Amino acid sequence: MIVKEARLFVAEDTDKPGDSIKMPLEQSRLDQLVTIVDHCTAAKDIADALGDTFLAYMLSMTIQSARTEMRPKTLRARR
C-alpha cells in the first residue's frame, strides 16, 4: 500500500448544517497539528507525573515533529 500524503484524521461526514463551509486545506491541517500538540503535551505531563520516561520521550518527539511540520505551513500562511 502506497500513501502519497500522510493524513492525521479521517474526514467526518458533513451532515450537520454548519459544515457546508469548508476551511482551506492548509488551515485545516494546521488546526489538526495544533490539536495533536495540545493532546501530546497533556499526555507528556501525565507520563512525567507517573515517571514513565520512555513514554514522555516518545511524546516529546511527537510534539517536536508536529511543531516542525507546522513551521513551514505557518510561514506560508503569513505571506
PDB file of N, CA and C in Angstrom:
ATOM      1  N   MET A   1       0.837  -1.179   0.000  1.00  0.00           N
ATOM      2  CA  MET A   1       0.000   0.000   0.000  1.00  0.00           C
ATOM      3  C   MET A   1       0.882   1.241   0.000  1.00  0.00           C
ATOM      4  N   ILE A   2       0.655   2.120  -0.929  1.00  0.00           N
ATOM      5  CA  ILE A   2       1.434   3.349  -1.042  1.00  0.00           C
ATOM      6  C   ILE A   2       0.544   4.518  -0.656  1.00  0.00           C
ATOM      7  N   VAL A   3       1.051   5.320   0.264  1.00  0.00           N
ATOM      8  CA  VAL A   3       0.320   6.504   0.709  1.00  0.00           C
ATOM      9  C   VAL A   3       1.070   7.719   0.208  1.00  0.00           C
ATOM     10  N   LYS A   4       0.411   8.562  -0.558  1.00  0.00           N
ATOM     11  CA  LYS A   4       1.053   9.746  -1.116  1.00  0.00           C
ATOM     12  C   LYS A   4       1.178  10.867  -0.093  1.00  0.00           C
ATOM     13  N   GLU A   5       0.206  11.001   0.772  1.00  0.00           N
ATOM     14  CA  GLU A   5       0.214  12.086   1.742  1.00  0.00           C
ATOM     15  C   GLU A   5      -0.228  11.547   3.088  1.00  0.00           C
ATOM     16  N   ALA A   6       0.523  11.876   4.135  1.00  0.00           N
ATOM     17  CA  ALA A   6       0.138  11.450   5.473  1.00  0.00           C
ATOM     18  C   ALA A   6      -1.094  12.227   5.914  1.00  0.00           C
ATOM     19  N   ARG A   7      -2.039  11.541   6.478  1.00  0.00           N
ATOM     20  CA  ARG A   7      -3.262  12.180   6.961  1.00  0.00           C
ATOM     21  C   ARG A   7      -3.355  11.976   8.464  1.00  0.00           C
ATOM     22  N   LEU A   8      -3.701  13.048   9.169  1.00  0.00           N
ATOM     23  CA  LEU A   8      -3.781  12.974  10.610  1.00  0.00           C
ATOM     24  C   LEU A   8      -5.109  12.410  11.079  1.00  0.00           C
ATOM     25  N   PHE A   9      -6.178  12.845  10.480  1.00  0.00           N
ATOM     26  CA  PHE A   9      -7.505  12.402  10.879  1.00  0.00           C
ATOM     27  C   PHE A   9      -8.324  12.094   9.637  1.00  0.00           C
ATOM     28  N   VAL A  10      -9.249  11.174   9.779  1.00  0.00           N
ATOM     29  CA  VAL A  10     -10.164  10.873   8.682  1.00  0.00           C
ATOM     30  C   VAL A  10     -11.264  11.922   8.687  1.00  0.00           C
ATOM     31  N   ALA A  11     -11.596  12.429   7.523  1.00  0.00           N
ATOM     32  CA  ALA A  11     -12.639  13.446   7.431  1.00  0.00           C
ATOM     33  C   ALA A  11     -13.980  12.862   7.854  1.00  0.00           C
ATOM     34  N   GLU A  12     -14.726  13.628   8.612  1.00  0.00           N
ATOM     35  CA  GLU A  12     -16.036  13.190   9.086  1.00  0.00           C
ATOM     36  C   GLU A  12     -17.101  13.540   8.050  1.00  0.00           C
ATOM     37  N   ASP A  13     -18.226  12.861   8.143  1.00  0.00           N
ATOM     38  CA  ASP A  13     -19.350  13.190   7.267  1.00  0.00           C
ATOM     39  C   ASP A  13     -19.851  14.583   7.601  1.00  0.00           C
ATOM     40  N   THR A  14     -20.309  15.283   6.586  1.00  0.00           N
ATOM     41  CA  THR A  14     -20.770  16.659   6.792  1.00  0.00           C
ATOM     42  C   THR A  14     -22.290  16.713   6.714  1.00  0.00           C
ATOM     43  N   ASP A  15     -22.944  16.064   7.660  1.00  0.00           N
ATOM     44  CA  ASP A  15     -24.398  16.065   7.706  1.00  0.00           C
ATOM     45  C   ASP A  15     -24.937  17.210   8.549  1.00  0.00           C
ATOM     46  N   LYS A  16     -24.067  17.899   9.250  1.00  0.00           N
ATOM     47  CA  LYS A  16     -24.509  18.990  10.114  1.00  0.00           C
ATOM     48  C   LYS A  16     -24.725  20.250   9.275  1.00  0.00           C
ATOM     49  N   PRO A  17     -25.669  21.089   9.641  1.00  0.00           N
ATOM     50  CA  PRO A  17     -25.958  22.278   8.848  1.00  0.00           C
ATOM     51  C   PRO A  17     -24.788  23.252   8.758  1.00  0.00           C
ATOM     52  N   GLY A  18     -24.005  23.401   9.784  1.00  0.00           N
ATOM     53  CA  GLY A  18     -22.917  24.360   9.785  1.00  0.00           C
ATOM     54  C   GLY A  18     -21.676  23.895   9.061  1.00  0.00           C
ATOM     55  N   ASP A  19     -21.664  22.672   8.563  1.00  0.00           N
ATOM     56  CA  ASP A  19     -20.476  22.122   7.927  1.00  0.00           C
ATOM     57  C   ASP A  19     -20.410  22.374   6.433  1.00  0.00           C
ATOM     58  N   SER A  20     -21.310  23.147   5.881  1.00  0.00           N
ATOM     59  CA  SER A  20     -21.309  23.354   4.440  1.00  0.00           C
ATOM     60  C   SER A  20     -20.141  24.230   3.997  1.00  0.00           C
ATOM     61  N   ILE A  21     -19.612  25.080   4.895  1.00  0.00           N
ATOM     62  CA  ILE A  21     -18.471  25.927   4.571  1.00  0.00           C
ATOM     63  C   ILE A  21     -17.214  25.209   5.036  1.00  0.00           C
ATOM     64  N   LYS A  22     -16.323  24.928   4.095  1.00  0.00           N
ATOM     65  CA  LYS A  22     -15.088  24.212   4.401  1.00  0.00           C
ATOM     66  C   LYS A  22     -13.951  25.199   4.625  1.00  0.00           C
ATOM     67  N   MET A  23     -13.038  24.833   5.534  1.00  0.00           N
ATOM     68  CA  MET A  23     -11.839  25.615   5.721  1.00  0.00           C
ATOM     69  C   MET A  23     -10.843  25.216   4.639  1.00  0.00           C
ATOM     70  N   PRO A  24      -9.939  26.102   4.280  1.00  0.00           N
ATOM     71  CA  PRO A  24      -8.905  25.723   3.318  1.00  0.00           C
ATOM     72  C   PRO A  24      -8.107  24.539   3.855  1.00  0.00           C
ATOM     73  N   LEU A  25      -7.608  23.718   2.964  1.00  0.00           N
ATOM     74  CA  LEU A  25      -6.899  22.507   3.348  1.00  0.00           C
ATOM     75  C   LEU A  25      -5.725  22.796   4.270  1.00  0.00           C
ATOM     76  N   GLU A  26      -4.933  23.797   3.959  1.00  0.00           N
ATOM     77  CA  GLU A  26      -3.766  24.110   4.779  1.00  0.00           C
ATOM     78  C   GLU A  26      -4.175  24.525   6.195  1.00  0.00           C
ATOM     79  N   GLN A  27      -5.207  25.328   6.326  1.00  0.00           N
ATOM     80  CA  GLN A  27      -5.644  25.779   7.648  1.00  0.00           C
ATOM     81  C   GLN A  27      -6.196  24.609   8.448  1.00  0.00           C
ATOM     82  N   SER A  28      -6.930  23.729   7.803  1.00  0.00           N
ATOM     83  CA  SER A  28      -7.472  22.561   8.479  1.00  0.00           C
ATOM     84  C   SER A  28      -6.353  21.667   9.003  1.00  0.00           C
ATOM     85  N   ARG A  29      -5.352  21.443   8.186  1.00  0.00           N
ATOM     86  CA  ARG A  29      -4.213  20.610   8.594  1.00  0.00           C
ATOM     87  C   ARG A  29      -3.441  21.274   9.733  1.00  0.00           C
ATOM     88  N   LEU A  30      -3.276  22.572   9.665  1.00  0.00           N
ATOM     89  CA  LEU A  30      -2.597  23.304  10.727  1.00  0.00           C
ATOM     90  C   LEU A  30      -3.373  23.179  12.036  1.00  0.00           C
ATOM     91  N   ASP A  31      -4.684  23.292  11.976  1.00  0.00           N
ATOM     92  CA  ASP A  31      -5.519  23.128  13.169  1.00  0.00           C
ATOM     93  C   ASP A  31      -5.374  21.724  13.758  1.00  0.00           C
ATOM     94  N   GLN A  32      -5.288  20.725  12.896  1.00  0.00           N
ATOM     95  CA  GLN A  32      -5.111  19.350  13.368  1.00  0.00           C
ATOM     96  C   GLN A  32      -3.761  19.173  14.052  1.00  0.00           C
ATOM     97  N   LEU A  33      -2.725  19.778  13.504  1.00  0.00           N
ATOM     98  CA  LEU A  33      -1.401  19.698  14.120  1.00  0.00           C
ATOM     99  C   LEU A  33      -1.388  20.381  15.482  1.00  0.00           C
ATOM    100  N   VAL A  34      -2.055  21.520  15.583  1.00  0.00           N
ATOM    101  CA  VAL A  34      -2.138  22.220  16.874  1.00  0.00           C
ATOM    102  C   VAL A  34      -2.853  21.340  17.905  1.00  0.00           C
ATOM    103  N   THR A  35      -3.923  20.676  17.477  1.00  0.00           N
ATOM    104  CA  THR A  35      -4.659  19.782  18.371  1.00  0.00           C
ATOM    105  C   THR A  35      -3.783  18.633  18.834  1.00  0.00           C
ATOM    106  N   ILE A  36      -2.993  18.071  17.931  1.00  0.00           N
ATOM    107  CA  ILE A  36      -2.095  16.966  18.303  1.00  0.00           C
ATOM    108  C   ILE A  36      -1.071  17.441  19.322  1.00  0.00           C
ATOM    109  N   VAL A  37      -0.493  18.617  19.098  1.00  0.00           N
ATOM    110  CA  VAL A  37       0.500  19.148  20.044  1.00  0.00           C
ATOM    111  C   VAL A  37      -0.132  19.341  21.414  1.00  0.00           C
ATOM    112  N   ASP A  38      -1.341  19.875  21.463  1.00  0.00           N
ATOM    113  CA  ASP A  38      -2.029  20.077  22.744  1.00  0.00           C
ATOM    114  C   ASP A  38      -2.253  18.758  23.472  1.00  0.00           C
ATOM    115  N   HIS A  39      -2.746  17.760  22.747  1.00  0.00           N
ATOM    116  CA  HIS A  39      -3.020  16.458  23.372  1.00  0.00           C
ATOM    117  C   HIS A  39      -1.735  15.769  23.822  1.00  0.00           C
ATOM    118  N   CYS A  40      -0.710  15.832  22.993  1.00  0.00           N
ATOM    119  CA  CYS A  40       0.559  15.187  23.349  1.00  0.00           C
ATOM    120  C   CYS A  40       1.226  15.878  24.533  1.00  0.00           C
ATOM    121  N   THR A  41       1.084  17.197  24.610  1.00  0.00           N
ATOM    122  CA  THR A  41       1.652  17.928  25.747  1.00  0.00           C
ATOM    123  C   THR A  41       0.972  17.506  27.050  1.00  0.00           C
ATOM    124  N   ALA A  42      -0.348  17.373  27.019  1.00  0.00           N
ATOM    125  CA  ALA A  42      -1.079  16.916  28.203  1.00  0.00           C
ATOM    126  C   ALA A  42      -0.682  15.484  28.560  1.00  0.00           C
ATOM    127  N   ALA A  43      -0.560  14.623  27.546  1.00  0.00           N
ATOM    128  CA  ALA A  43      -0.175  13.235  27.798  1.00  0.00           C
ATOM    129  C   ALA A  43       1.254  13.156  28.329  1.00  0.00           C
ATOM    130  N   LYS A  44       2.142  14.022  27.847  1.00  0.00           N
ATOM    131  CA  LYS A  44       3.524  14.042  28.329  1.00  0.00           C
ATOM    132  C   LYS A  44       3.567  14.452  29.799  1.00  0.00           C
ATOM    133  N   ASP A  45       2.759  15.431  30.181  1.00  0.00           N
ATOM    134  CA  ASP A  45       2.696  15.840  31.584  1.00  0.00           C
ATOM    135  C   ASP A  45       2.257  14.675  32.477  1.00  0.00           C
ATOM    136  N   ILE A  46       1.294  13.912  32.008  1.00  0.00           N
ATOM    137  CA  ILE A  46       0.825  12.745  32.767  1.00  0.00           C
ATOM    138  C   ILE A  46       1.924  11.692  32.847  1.00  0.00           C
ATOM    139  N   ALA A  47       2.599  11.437  31.727  1.00  0.00           N
ATOM    140  CA  ALA A  47       3.684  10.447  31.717  1.00  0.00           C
ATOM    141  C   ALA A  47       4.812  10.870  32.650  1.00  0.00           C
ATOM    142  N   ASP A  48       5.130  12.151  32.664  1.00  0.00           N
ATOM    143  CA  ASP A  48       6.157  12.656  33.589  1.00  0.00           C
ATOM    144  C   ASP A  48       5.731  12.449  35.039  1.00  0.00           C
ATOM    145  N   ALA A  49       4.463  12.732  35.332  1.00  0.00           N
ATOM    146  CA  ALA A  49       3.957  12.569  36.701  1.00  0.00           C
ATOM    147  C   ALA A  49       3.993  11.103  37.143  1.00  0.00           C
ATOM    148  N   LEU A  50       3.789  10.193  36.189  1.00  0.00           N
ATOM    149  CA  LEU A  50       3.812   8.761  36.504  1.00  0.00           C
ATOM    150  C   LEU A  50       5.221   8.183  36.476  1.00  0.00           C
ATOM    151  N   GLY A  51       6.174   8.964  36.030  1.00  0.00           N
ATOM    152  CA  GLY A  51       7.555   8.507  35.980  1.00  0.00           C
ATOM    153  C   GLY A  51       7.883   7.626  34.786  1.00  0.00           C
ATOM    154  N   ASP A  52       7.060   7.666  33.759  1.00  0.00           N
ATOM    155  CA  ASP A  52       7.290   6.863  32.558  1.00  0.00           C
ATOM    156  C   ASP A  52       8.152   7.676  31.591  1.00  0.00           C
ATOM    157  N   THR A  53       9.467   7.528  31.722  1.00  0.00           N
ATOM    158  CA  THR A  53      10.382   8.346  30.931  1.00  0.00           C
ATOM    159  C   THR A  53      10.353   7.992  29.445  1.00  0.00           C
ATOM    160  N   PHE A  54      10.162   6.723  29.108  1.00  0.00           N
ATOM    161  CA  PHE A  54      10.128   6.342  27.703  1.00  0.00           C
ATOM    162  C   PHE A  54       8.927   6.971  26.994  1.00  0.00           C
ATOM    163  N   LEU A  55       7.759   6.871  27.605  1.00  0.00           N
ATOM    164  CA  LEU A  55       6.565   7.464  27.009  1.00  0.00           C
ATOM    165  C   LEU A  55       6.702   8.984  26.912  1.00  0.00           C
ATOM    166  N   ALA A  56       7.255   9.600  27.954  1.00  0.00           N
ATOM    167  CA  ALA A  56       7.457  11.049  27.926  1.00  0.00           C
ATOM    168  C   ALA A  56       8.402  11.436  26.790  1.00  0.00           C
ATOM    169  N   TYR A  57       9.451  10.629  26.585  1.00  0.00           N
ATOM    170  CA  TYR A  57      10.391  10.896  25.498  1.00  0.00           C
ATOM    171  C   TYR A  57       9.705  10.756  24.130  1.00  0.00           C
ATOM    172  N   MET A  58       8.939   9.707  23.946  1.00  0.00           N
ATOM    173  CA  MET A  58       8.258   9.491  22.673  1.00  0.00           C
ATOM    174  C   MET A  58       7.253  10.614  22.390  1.00  0.00           C
ATOM    175  N   LEU A  59       6.560  11.061  23.417  1.00  0.00           N
ATOM    176  CA  LEU A  59       5.623  12.169  23.243  1.00  0.00           C
ATOM    177  C   LEU A  59       6.356  13.468  22.914  1.00  0.00           C
ATOM    178  N   SER A  60       7.527  13.664  23.524  1.00  0.00           N
ATOM    179  CA  SER A  60       8.333  14.844  23.198  1.00  0.00           C
ATOM    180  C   SER A  60       8.749  14.836  21.736  1.00  0.00           C
ATOM    181  N   MET A  61       9.116  13.665  21.231  1.00  0.00           N
ATOM    182  CA  MET A  61       9.494  13.548  19.826  1.00  0.00           C
ATOM    183  C   MET A  61       8.297  13.823  18.903  1.00  0.00           C
ATOM    184  N   THR A  62       7.119  13.372  19.320  1.00  0.00           N
ATOM    185  CA  THR A  62       5.913  13.627  18.534  1.00  0.00           C
ATOM    186  C   THR A  62       5.591  15.118  18.509  1.00  0.00           C
ATOM    187  N   ILE A  63       5.714  15.765  19.651  1.00  0.00           N
ATOM    188  CA  ILE A  63       5.468  17.211  19.743  1.00  0.00           C
ATOM    189  C   ILE A  63       6.452  17.969  18.861  1.00  0.00           C
ATOM    190  N   GLN A  64       7.719  17.581  18.934  1.00  0.00           N
ATOM    191  CA  GLN A  64       8.739  18.248  18.131  1.00  0.00           C
ATOM    192  C   GLN A  64       8.470  18.058  16.639  1.00  0.00           C
ATOM    193  N   SER A  65       8.074  16.866  16.254  1.00  0.00           N
ATOM    194  CA  SER A  65       7.782  16.582  14.853  1.00  0.00           C
ATOM    195  C   SER A  65       6.590  17.407  14.352  1.00  0.00           C
ATOM    196  N   ALA A  66       5.541  17.478  15.157  1.00  0.00           N
ATOM    197  CA  ALA A  66       4.357  18.247  14.771  1.00  0.00           C
ATOM    198  C   ALA A  66       4.686  19.731  14.658  1.00  0.00           C
ATOM    199  N   ARG A  67       5.486  20.239  15.580  1.00  0.00           N
ATOM    200  CA  ARG A  67       5.864  21.654  15.514  1.00  0.00           C
ATOM    201  C   ARG A  67       6.729  21.945  14.292  1.00  0.00           C
ATOM    202  N   THR A  68       7.603  21.008  13.953  1.00  0.00           N
ATOM    203  CA  THR A  68       8.424  21.160  12.754  1.00  0.00           C
ATOM    204  C   THR A  68       7.546  21.161  11.510  1.00  0.00           C
ATOM    205  N   GLU A  69       6.538  20.310  11.505  1.00  0.00           N
ATOM    206  CA  GLU A  69       5.608  20.244  10.376  1.00  0.00           C
ATOM    207  C   GLU A  69       4.795  21.531  10.268  1.00  0.00           C
ATOM    208  N   MET A  70       4.481  22.149  11.388  1.00  0.00           N
ATOM    209  CA  MET A  70       3.692  23.376  11.384  1.00  0.00           C
ATOM    210  C   MET A  70       4.491  24.585  10.914  1.00  0.00           C
ATOM    211  N   ARG A  71       5.770  24.597  11.194  1.00  0.00           N
ATOM    212  CA  ARG A  71       6.585  25.779  10.930  1.00  0.00           C
ATOM    213  C   ARG A  71       6.519  26.252   9.480  1.00  0.00           C
ATOM    214  N   PRO A  72       6.776  25.431   8.482  1.00  0.00           N
ATOM    215  CA  PRO A  72       6.700  25.943   7.101  1.00  0.00           C
ATOM    216  C   PRO A  72       5.282  26.360   6.702  1.00  0.00           C
ATOM    217  N   LYS A  73       4.277  25.666   7.208  1.00  0.00           N
ATOM    218  CA  LYS A  73       2.896  25.994   6.892  1.00  0.00           C
ATOM    219  C   LYS A  73       2.534  27.352   7.497  1.00  0.00           C
ATOM    220  N   THR A  74       3.024  27.650   8.675  1.00  0.00           N
ATOM    221  CA  THR A  74       2.751  28.926   9.326  1.00  0.00           C
ATOM    222  C   THR A  74       3.406  30.050   8.542  1.00  0.00           C
ATOM    223  N   LEU A  75       4.626  29.833   8.059  1.00  0.00           N
ATOM    224  CA  LEU A  75       5.316  30.865   7.292  1.00  0.00           C
ATOM    225  C   LEU A  75       4.590  31.154   5.982  1.00  0.00           C
ATOM    226  N   ARG A  76       4.092  30.101   5.305  1.00  0.00           N
ATOM    227  CA  ARG A  76       3.350  30.306   4.063  1.00  0.00           C
ATOM    228  C   ARG A  76       2.043  31.035   4.307  1.00  0.00           C
ATOM    229  N   ALA A  77       1.411  30.771   5.457  1.00  0.00           N
ATOM    230  CA  ALA A  77       0.125  31.389   5.764  1.00  0.00           C
ATOM    231  C   ALA A  77       0.295  32.897   6.031  1.00  0.00           C
ATOM    232  N   ARG A  78       1.440  33.306   6.532  1.00  0.00           N
ATOM    233  CA  ARG A  78       1.682  34.715   6.849  1.00  0.00           C
ATOM    234  C   ARG A  78       1.942  35.548   5.605  1.00  0.00           C
ATOM    235  N   ARG A  79       2.384  34.920   4.538  1.00  0.00           N
ATOM    236  CA  ARG A  79       2.744  35.667   3.315  1.00  0.00           C
ATOM    237  C   ARG A  79       1.545  36.141   2.584  1.00  0.00           C
TER     238      ARG A  79
END
